[in-house]
Amino acid sequence: MRRGKALLAVPVMLLATACGGASSGSSGAMEMTGTVLEPPFEVSATPLVDTDGEPFSLTDDTDNDLTLVFFGYTHCPDICGQVMATLAGTLNRLSDEQKADLDVVFVTTDPGRDDEAVVKKYVDAFDPSIIGLTGPLDDIVTVAGSMKVAIGYFDAQGKELSPDELPPTYDVEHGTQVFAIDADDDVTTFWRADVSQAQLTHDVTMLLDEG
């Protein structure tokens, strides 16, 4: 994943590009590590496609108290794997009761290479309970844009590419934050990619208790 370029594929930027954003801070006994959004982001109901080839909306098909969402891609050479490992480790730290009230979703930003089978293999390698989504790029851009996530495609020299004419090898820039969607289908909190498993577990527990 390339860093530090303006992303033009989505008209509204997240708080930063790939690795920026508000500081996650330090975790205290009663403090949230994540950044609370005021006002929250309203999530698009546009359906994407799950690994069974069925429509899946982040609003209509997430009925639990809390949903964690991460946008990334399976060819990502660095941060995506780190964040996915953090999400999987967080799930391992939660009780069965907590996990029953939580969905964790991975949305690819590279549907040209990440079809249903590829996404399923990827998420299953971290935790089979993680929901993997792909779909038409326009739909992914719509959902990502509602959460202020920008998506861009670049060649090895850093030149921005049209998503309609991608070479065999390219990089994808995307927001690297983990987002929390509440029961009202709003994004209320986000965490930077460097959040630890312990910090995320602490915050998720607090949000579930509040719910």
C-alpha atoms as a PDB file:
ATOM      1  CA  MET A   1       0.000   0.000   0.000  1.00  0.00           C
ATOM      2  CA  ARG A   2       1.455   3.325  -1.046  1.00  0.00           C
ATOM      3  CA  ARG A   3       1.350   6.333   1.236  1.00  0.00           C
ATOM      4  CA  GLY A   4       1.218  10.104   1.168  1.00  0.00           C
ATOM      5  CA  LYS A   5      -0.703  10.785  -2.072  1.00  0.00           C
ATOM      6  CA  ALA A   6      -4.001  12.548  -2.584  1.00  0.00           C
ATOM      7  CA  LEU A   7      -6.753  10.037  -3.267  1.00  0.00           C
ATOM      8  CA  LEU A   8      -9.116  11.120  -6.001  1.00  0.00           C
ATOM      9  CA  ALA A   9     -11.360   8.074  -6.419  1.00  0.00           C
ATOM     10  CA  VAL A  10     -13.722   9.175  -3.653  1.00  0.00           C
ATOM     11  CA  PRO A  11     -14.772  12.837  -3.402  1.00  0.00           C
ATOM     12  CA  VAL A  12     -14.438  13.138   0.360  1.00  0.00           C
ATOM     13  CA  MET A  13     -11.299  12.307   2.289  1.00  0.00           C
ATOM     14  CA  LEU A  14     -11.078  10.478   5.558  1.00  0.00           C
ATOM     15  CA  LEU A  15      -9.334  12.340   8.368  1.00  0.00           C
ATOM     16  CA  ALA A  16      -6.082  11.415   6.656  1.00  0.00           C
ATOM     17  CA  THR A  17      -4.709   9.202   3.898  1.00  0.00           C
ATOM     18  CA  ALA A  18      -3.560   5.658   4.304  1.00  0.00           C
ATOM     19  CA  CYS A  19      -1.717   5.813   7.599  1.00  0.00           C
ATOM     20  CA  GLY A  20      -2.786   9.123   9.079  1.00  0.00           C
ATOM     21  CA  GLY A  21      -5.729  10.188  11.169  1.00  0.00           C
ATOM     22  CA  ALA A  22      -6.287  11.222  14.724  1.00  0.00           C
ATOM     23  CA  SER A  23      -3.985   9.760  17.314  1.00  0.00           C
ATOM     24  CA  SER A  24      -5.288   6.706  19.082  1.00  0.00           C
ATOM     25  CA  GLY A  25      -3.735   7.929  22.320  1.00  0.00           C
ATOM     26  CA  SER A  26      -2.998   5.757  25.309  1.00  0.00           C
ATOM     27  CA  SER A  27      -5.388   3.403  26.960  1.00  0.00           C
ATOM     28  CA  GLY A  28      -6.379   4.148  30.528  1.00  0.00           C
ATOM     29  CA  ALA A  29      -8.570   2.227  32.908  1.00  0.00           C
ATOM     30  CA  MET A  30     -11.697   4.160  31.914  1.00  0.00           C
ATOM     31  CA  GLU A  31     -10.577   5.779  28.648  1.00  0.00           C
ATOM     32  CA  MET A  32     -11.377   4.926  25.053  1.00  0.00           C
ATOM     33  CA  THR A  33      -8.366   4.437  22.817  1.00  0.00           C
ATOM     34  CA  GLY A  34     -10.479   5.039  19.736  1.00  0.00           C
ATOM     35  CA  THR A  35     -11.660   8.394  18.442  1.00  0.00           C
ATOM     36  CA  VAL A  36     -15.352   9.117  19.052  1.00  0.00           C
ATOM     37  CA  LEU A  37     -17.064  10.822  16.114  1.00  0.00           C
ATOM     38  CA  GLU A  38     -19.342  13.794  16.768  1.00  0.00           C
ATOM     39  CA  PRO A  39     -21.479  13.751  14.751  1.00  0.00           C
ATOM     40  CA  PRO A  40     -21.262  10.110  13.659  1.00  0.00           C
ATOM     41  CA  PHE A  41     -21.091   9.030  10.009  1.00  0.00           C
ATOM     42  CA  GLU A  42     -24.266   7.609   8.489  1.00  0.00           C
ATOM     43  CA  VAL A  43     -23.451   4.360   6.679  1.00  0.00           C
ATOM     44  CA  SER A  44     -24.728   3.749   3.154  1.00  0.00           C
ATOM     45  CA  ALA A  45     -27.226   0.904   2.843  1.00  0.00           C
ATOM     46  CA  THR A  46     -25.866  -0.034  -0.606  1.00  0.00           C
ATOM     47  CA  PRO A  47     -25.492  -3.823  -0.627  1.00  0.00           C
ATOM     48  CA  LEU A  48     -22.134  -5.408  -1.387  1.00  0.00           C
ATOM     49  CA  VAL A  49     -21.498  -9.131  -2.033  1.00  0.00           C
ATOM     50  CA  ASP A  50     -20.513 -11.696   0.605  1.00  0.00           C
ATOM     51  CA  THR A  51     -18.326 -14.756   0.052  1.00  0.00           C
ATOM     52  CA  ASP A  52     -21.397 -16.854  -0.801  1.00  0.00           C
ATOM     53  CA  GLY A  53     -22.266 -14.462  -3.609  1.00  0.00           C
ATOM     54  CA  GLU A  54     -25.238 -13.024  -1.720  1.00  0.00           C
ATOM     55  CA  PRO A  55     -26.054  -9.331  -1.219  1.00  0.00           C
ATOM     56  CA  PHE A  56     -24.862  -7.962   2.116  1.00  0.00           C
ATOM     57  CA  SER A  57     -25.568  -4.449   3.403  1.00  0.00           C
ATOM     58  CA  LEU A  58     -23.634  -2.935   6.304  1.00  0.00           C
ATOM     59  CA  THR A  59     -26.933  -1.534   7.557  1.00  0.00           C
ATOM     60  CA  ASP A  60     -29.634  -4.047   6.648  1.00  0.00           C
ATOM     61  CA  ASP A  61     -27.640  -7.225   7.316  1.00  0.00           C
ATOM     62  CA  THR A  62     -25.792  -6.293  10.502  1.00  0.00           C
ATOM     63  CA  ASP A  63     -28.203  -6.856  13.348  1.00  0.00           C
ATOM     64  CA  ASN A  64     -25.773  -7.077  16.261  1.00  0.00           C
ATOM     65  CA  ASP A  65     -25.119  -4.343  18.800  1.00  0.00           C
ATOM     66  CA  LEU A  66     -21.736  -3.544  17.244  1.00  0.00           C
ATOM     67  CA  THR A  67     -20.024  -4.078  13.878  1.00  0.00           C
ATOM     68  CA  LEU A  68     -16.316  -3.513  13.244  1.00  0.00           C
ATOM     69  CA  VAL A  69     -15.416  -2.733   9.628  1.00  0.00           C
ATOM     70  CA  PHE A  70     -12.033  -2.595   7.921  1.00  0.00           C
ATOM     71  CA  PHE A  71     -11.402  -1.684   4.269  1.00  0.00           C
ATOM     72  CA  GLY A  72      -8.355  -3.346   2.712  1.00  0.00           C
ATOM     73  CA  TYR A  73      -7.219  -5.752   0.002  1.00  0.00           C
ATOM     74  CA  THR A  74      -5.673  -9.189  -0.133  1.00  0.00           C
ATOM     75  CA  HIS A  75      -2.554  -8.145  -2.094  1.00  0.00           C
ATOM     76  CA  CYS A  76      -1.716  -5.479   0.497  1.00  0.00           C
ATOM     77  CA  PRO A  77       1.953  -5.933   1.448  1.00  0.00           C
ATOM     78  CA  ASP A  78       1.870  -4.454   4.933  1.00  0.00           C
ATOM     79  CA  ILE A  79      -0.826  -2.795   7.029  1.00  0.00           C
ATOM     80  CA  CYS A  80      -3.857  -4.858   5.977  1.00  0.00           C
ATOM     81  CA  GLY A  81      -2.413  -8.056   7.399  1.00  0.00           C
ATOM     82  CA  GLN A  82      -1.445  -6.236  10.597  1.00  0.00           C
ATOM     83  CA  VAL A  83      -4.960  -4.875  11.107  1.00  0.00           C
ATOM     84  CA  MET A  84      -6.617  -8.182  10.260  1.00  0.00           C
ATOM     85  CA  ALA A  85      -4.384  -9.923  12.800  1.00  0.00           C
ATOM     86  CA  THR A  86      -5.418  -7.323  15.385  1.00  0.00           C
ATOM     87  CA  LEU A  87      -9.080  -7.980  14.646  1.00  0.00           C
ATOM     88  CA  ALA A  88      -8.592 -11.745  14.889  1.00  0.00           C
ATOM     89  CA  GLY A  89      -6.655 -11.374  18.132  1.00  0.00           C
ATOM     90  CA  THR A  90      -9.380  -9.158  19.540  1.00  0.00           C
ATOM     91  CA  LEU A  91     -11.985 -11.816  18.770  1.00  0.00           C
ATOM     92  CA  ASN A  92      -9.858 -14.366  20.635  1.00  0.00           C
ATOM     93  CA  ARG A  93      -9.828 -12.113  23.698  1.00  0.00           C
ATOM     94  CA  LEU A  94     -13.601 -11.679  23.834  1.00  0.00           C
ATOM     95  CA  SER A  95     -16.042 -14.011  25.548  1.00  0.00           C
ATOM     96  CA  ASP A  96     -18.537 -16.081  23.544  1.00  0.00           C
ATOM     97  CA  GLU A  97     -21.301 -13.816  24.835  1.00  0.00           C
ATOM     98  CA  GLN A  98     -19.484 -10.706  23.607  1.00  0.00           C
ATOM     99  CA  LYS A  99     -18.760 -12.254  20.215  1.00  0.00           C
ATOM    100  CA  ALA A 100     -22.445 -13.125  19.833  1.00  0.00           C
ATOM    101  CA  ASP A 101     -23.190  -9.366  19.917  1.00  0.00           C
ATOM    102  CA  LEU A 102     -20.422  -8.416  17.476  1.00  0.00           C
ATOM    103  CA  ASP A 103     -19.852  -8.631  13.725  1.00  0.00           C
ATOM    104  CA  VAL A 104     -16.412  -8.103  12.170  1.00  0.00           C
ATOM    105  CA  VAL A 105     -16.383  -7.237   8.463  1.00  0.00           C
ATOM    106  CA  PHE A 106     -13.587  -6.969   5.882  1.00  0.00           C
ATOM    107  CA  VAL A 107     -14.455  -5.004   2.723  1.00  0.00           C
ATOM    108  CA  THR A 108     -12.056  -5.282  -0.192  1.00  0.00           C
ATOM    109  CA  THR A 109     -10.997  -2.112  -1.977  1.00  0.00           C
ATOM    110  CA  ASP A 110      -9.670  -4.195  -4.887  1.00  0.00           C
ATOM    111  CA  PRO A 111     -12.632  -6.116  -6.336  1.00  0.00           C
ATOM    112  CA  GLY A 112     -10.842  -6.629  -9.634  1.00  0.00           C
ATOM    113  CA  ARG A 113      -8.558  -9.178  -7.970  1.00  0.00           C
ATOM    114  CA  ASP A 114     -10.568  -9.968  -4.848  1.00  0.00           C
ATOM    115  CA  ASP A 115     -13.572 -12.031  -5.884  1.00  0.00           C
ATOM    116  CA  GLU A 116     -15.693 -14.024  -3.453  1.00  0.00           C
ATOM    117  CA  ALA A 117     -13.355 -17.025  -3.349  1.00  0.00           C
ATOM    118  CA  VAL A 118     -10.232 -14.914  -2.820  1.00  0.00           C
ATOM    119  CA  VAL A 119     -11.852 -12.882  -0.043  1.00  0.00           C
ATOM    120  CA  LYS A 120     -13.139 -16.022   1.691  1.00  0.00           C
ATOM    121  CA  LYS A 121      -9.691 -17.626   1.711  1.00  0.00           C
ATOM    122  CA  TYR A 122      -8.206 -14.389   3.058  1.00  0.00           C
ATOM    123  CA  VAL A 123     -10.619 -13.802   5.941  1.00  0.00           C
ATOM    124  CA  ASP A 124     -10.721 -17.497   6.881  1.00  0.00           C
ATOM    125  CA  ALA A 125      -6.950 -17.432   7.368  1.00  0.00           C
ATOM    126  CA  PHE A 126      -7.449 -14.886  10.175  1.00  0.00           C
ATOM    127  CA  ASP A 127     -10.781 -15.994  11.668  1.00  0.00           C
ATOM    128  CA  PRO A 128     -13.631 -17.820   9.897  1.00  0.00           C
ATOM    129  CA  SER A 129     -16.184 -15.686  11.747  1.00  0.00           C
ATOM    130  CA  ILE A 130     -14.998 -12.536   9.946  1.00  0.00           C
ATOM    131  CA  ILE A 131     -17.435 -11.550   7.190  1.00  0.00           C
ATOM    132  CA  GLY A 132     -15.743 -10.859   3.854  1.00  0.00           C
ATOM    133  CA  LEU A 133     -17.304  -8.546   1.266  1.00  0.00           C
ATOM    134  CA  THR A 134     -16.550  -7.659  -2.337  1.00  0.00           C
ATOM    135  CA  GLY A 135     -18.794  -6.375  -5.137  1.00  0.00           C
ATOM    136  CA  PRO A 136     -18.843  -3.837  -7.977  1.00  0.00           C
ATOM    137  CA  LEU A 137     -16.280  -1.082  -7.440  1.00  0.00           C
ATOM    138  CA  ASP A 138     -18.900   1.671  -7.726  1.00  0.00           C
ATOM    139  CA  ASP A 139     -20.854   0.121  -4.850  1.00  0.00           C
ATOM    140  CA  ILE A 140     -17.730  -0.278  -2.719  1.00  0.00           C
ATOM    141  CA  VAL A 141     -16.814   3.365  -3.397  1.00  0.00           C
ATOM    142  CA  THR A 142     -20.313   4.443  -2.346  1.00  0.00           C
ATOM    143  CA  VAL A 143     -20.134   2.541   0.949  1.00  0.00           C
ATOM    144  CA  ALA A 144     -16.543   3.619   1.592  1.00  0.00           C
ATOM    145  CA  GLY A 145     -17.385   7.242   0.819  1.00  0.00           C
ATOM    146  CA  SER A 146     -20.192   7.244   3.380  1.00  0.00           C
ATOM    147  CA  MET A 147     -17.553   6.321   5.959  1.00  0.00           C
ATOM    148  CA  LYS A 148     -15.114   8.943   4.600  1.00  0.00           C
ATOM    149  CA  VAL A 149     -12.742   6.310   3.203  1.00  0.00           C
ATOM    150  CA  ALA A 150     -10.945   7.247  -0.016  1.00  0.00           C
ATOM    151  CA  ILE A 151      -9.726   4.659  -2.532  1.00  0.00           C
ATOM    152  CA  GLY A 152      -7.033   5.158  -5.169  1.00  0.00           C
ATOM    153  CA  TYR A 153      -4.967   2.998  -7.531  1.00  0.00           C
ATOM    154  CA  PHE A 154      -1.272   3.628  -8.327  1.00  0.00           C
ATOM    155  CA  ASP A 155       1.512   2.068 -10.366  1.00  0.00           C
ATOM    156  CA  ALA A 156       4.998   1.301  -9.061  1.00  0.00           C
ATOM    157  CA  GLN A 157       6.142   4.845  -9.890  1.00  0.00           C
ATOM    158  CA  GLY A 158       3.312   6.410  -7.916  1.00  0.00           C
ATOM    159  CA  LYS A 159       1.228   7.478 -10.899  1.00  0.00           C
ATOM    160  CA  GLU A 160      -2.508   7.349 -10.256  1.00  0.00           C
ATOM    161  CA  LEU A 161      -4.333   4.836 -12.405  1.00  0.00           C
ATOM    162  CA  SER A 162      -7.877   4.647 -13.683  1.00  0.00           C
ATOM    163  CA  PRO A 163      -9.721   1.758 -12.006  1.00  0.00           C
ATOM    164  CA  ASP A 164     -11.082   0.890 -15.467  1.00  0.00           C
ATOM    165  CA  GLU A 165      -7.617   0.255 -16.939  1.00  0.00           C
ATOM    166  CA  LEU A 166      -5.474  -1.423 -14.309  1.00  0.00           C
ATOM    167  CA  PRO A 167      -2.249  -3.285 -15.188  1.00  0.00           C
ATOM    168  CA  PRO A 168      -1.525  -6.759 -13.786  1.00  0.00           C
ATOM    169  CA  THR A 169       0.387  -5.232 -10.852  1.00  0.00           C
ATOM    170  CA  TYR A 170      -0.657  -2.122  -8.927  1.00  0.00           C
ATOM    171  CA  ASP A 171      -1.042  -0.719  -5.438  1.00  0.00           C
ATOM    172  CA  VAL A 172      -4.243   0.396  -3.709  1.00  0.00           C
ATOM    173  CA  GLU A 173      -4.440   3.287  -1.277  1.00  0.00           C
ATOM    174  CA  HIS A 174      -7.288   3.222   1.220  1.00  0.00           C
ATOM    175  CA  GLY A 175      -8.105   4.344   4.719  1.00  0.00           C
ATOM    176  CA  THR A 176      -6.587   1.979   7.271  1.00  0.00           C
ATOM    177  CA  GLN A 177      -8.880   2.754  10.166  1.00  0.00           C
ATOM    178  CA  VAL A 178     -11.143   0.242  11.892  1.00  0.00           C
ATOM    179  CA  PHE A 179     -14.684   1.586  12.206  1.00  0.00           C
ATOM    180  CA  ALA A 180     -17.388   0.788  14.741  1.00  0.00           C
ATOM    181  CA  ILE A 181     -20.993   0.802  13.527  1.00  0.00           C
ATOM    182  CA  ASP A 182     -23.629   0.865  16.250  1.00  0.00           C
ATOM    183  CA  ALA A 183     -27.134  -0.610  16.293  1.00  0.00           C
ATOM    184  CA  ASP A 184     -28.469   2.575  14.670  1.00  0.00           C
ATOM    185  CA  ASP A 185     -26.199   2.025  11.625  1.00  0.00           C
ATOM    186  CA  ASP A 186     -23.954   4.977  12.436  1.00  0.00           C
ATOM    187  CA  VAL A 187     -20.170   5.008  12.619  1.00  0.00           C
ATOM    188  CA  THR A 188     -19.545   6.253  16.134  1.00  0.00           C
ATOM    189  CA  THR A 189     -15.858   5.428  16.685  1.00  0.00           C
ATOM    190  CA  PHE A 190     -12.709   4.636  14.739  1.00  0.00           C
ATOM    191  CA  TRP A 191      -9.240   3.343  15.574  1.00  0.00           C
ATOM    192  CA  ARG A 192      -5.929   3.852  13.801  1.00  0.00           C
ATOM    193  CA  ALA A 193      -4.159   0.887  12.261  1.00  0.00           C
ATOM    194  CA  ASP A 194      -1.654   0.808  15.115  1.00  0.00           C
ATOM    195  CA  VAL A 195      -4.268   0.054  17.774  1.00  0.00           C
ATOM    196  CA  SER A 196      -3.252  -2.986  19.812  1.00  0.00           C
ATOM    197  CA  GLN A 197      -5.352  -6.069  20.465  1.00  0.00           C
ATOM    198  CA  ALA A 198      -5.573  -5.141  24.144  1.00  0.00           C
ATOM    199  CA  GLN A 199      -6.680  -1.576  23.363  1.00  0.00           C
ATOM    200  CA  LEU A 200      -9.284  -2.668  20.834  1.00  0.00           C
ATOM    201  CA  THR A 201     -10.606  -5.377  23.152  1.00  0.00           C
ATOM    202  CA  HIS A 202     -10.936  -2.811  25.947  1.00  0.00           C
ATOM    203  CA  ASP A 203     -12.856  -0.386  23.734  1.00  0.00           C
ATOM    204  CA  VAL A 204     -15.091  -3.043  22.177  1.00  0.00           C
ATOM    205  CA  THR A 205     -15.989  -4.261  25.654  1.00  0.00           C
ATOM    206  CA  MET A 206     -16.905  -0.710  26.683  1.00  0.00           C
ATOM    207  CA  LEU A 207     -19.053  -0.199  23.569  1.00  0.00           C
ATOM    208  CA  LEU A 208     -20.837  -3.520  24.034  1.00  0.00           C
ATOM    209  CA  ASP A 209     -21.509  -2.685  27.686  1.00  0.00           C
ATOM    210  CA  GLU A 210     -22.955   0.675  26.639  1.00  0.00           C
ATOM    211  CA  GLY A 211     -25.127  -1.011  24.039  1.00  0.00           C
END
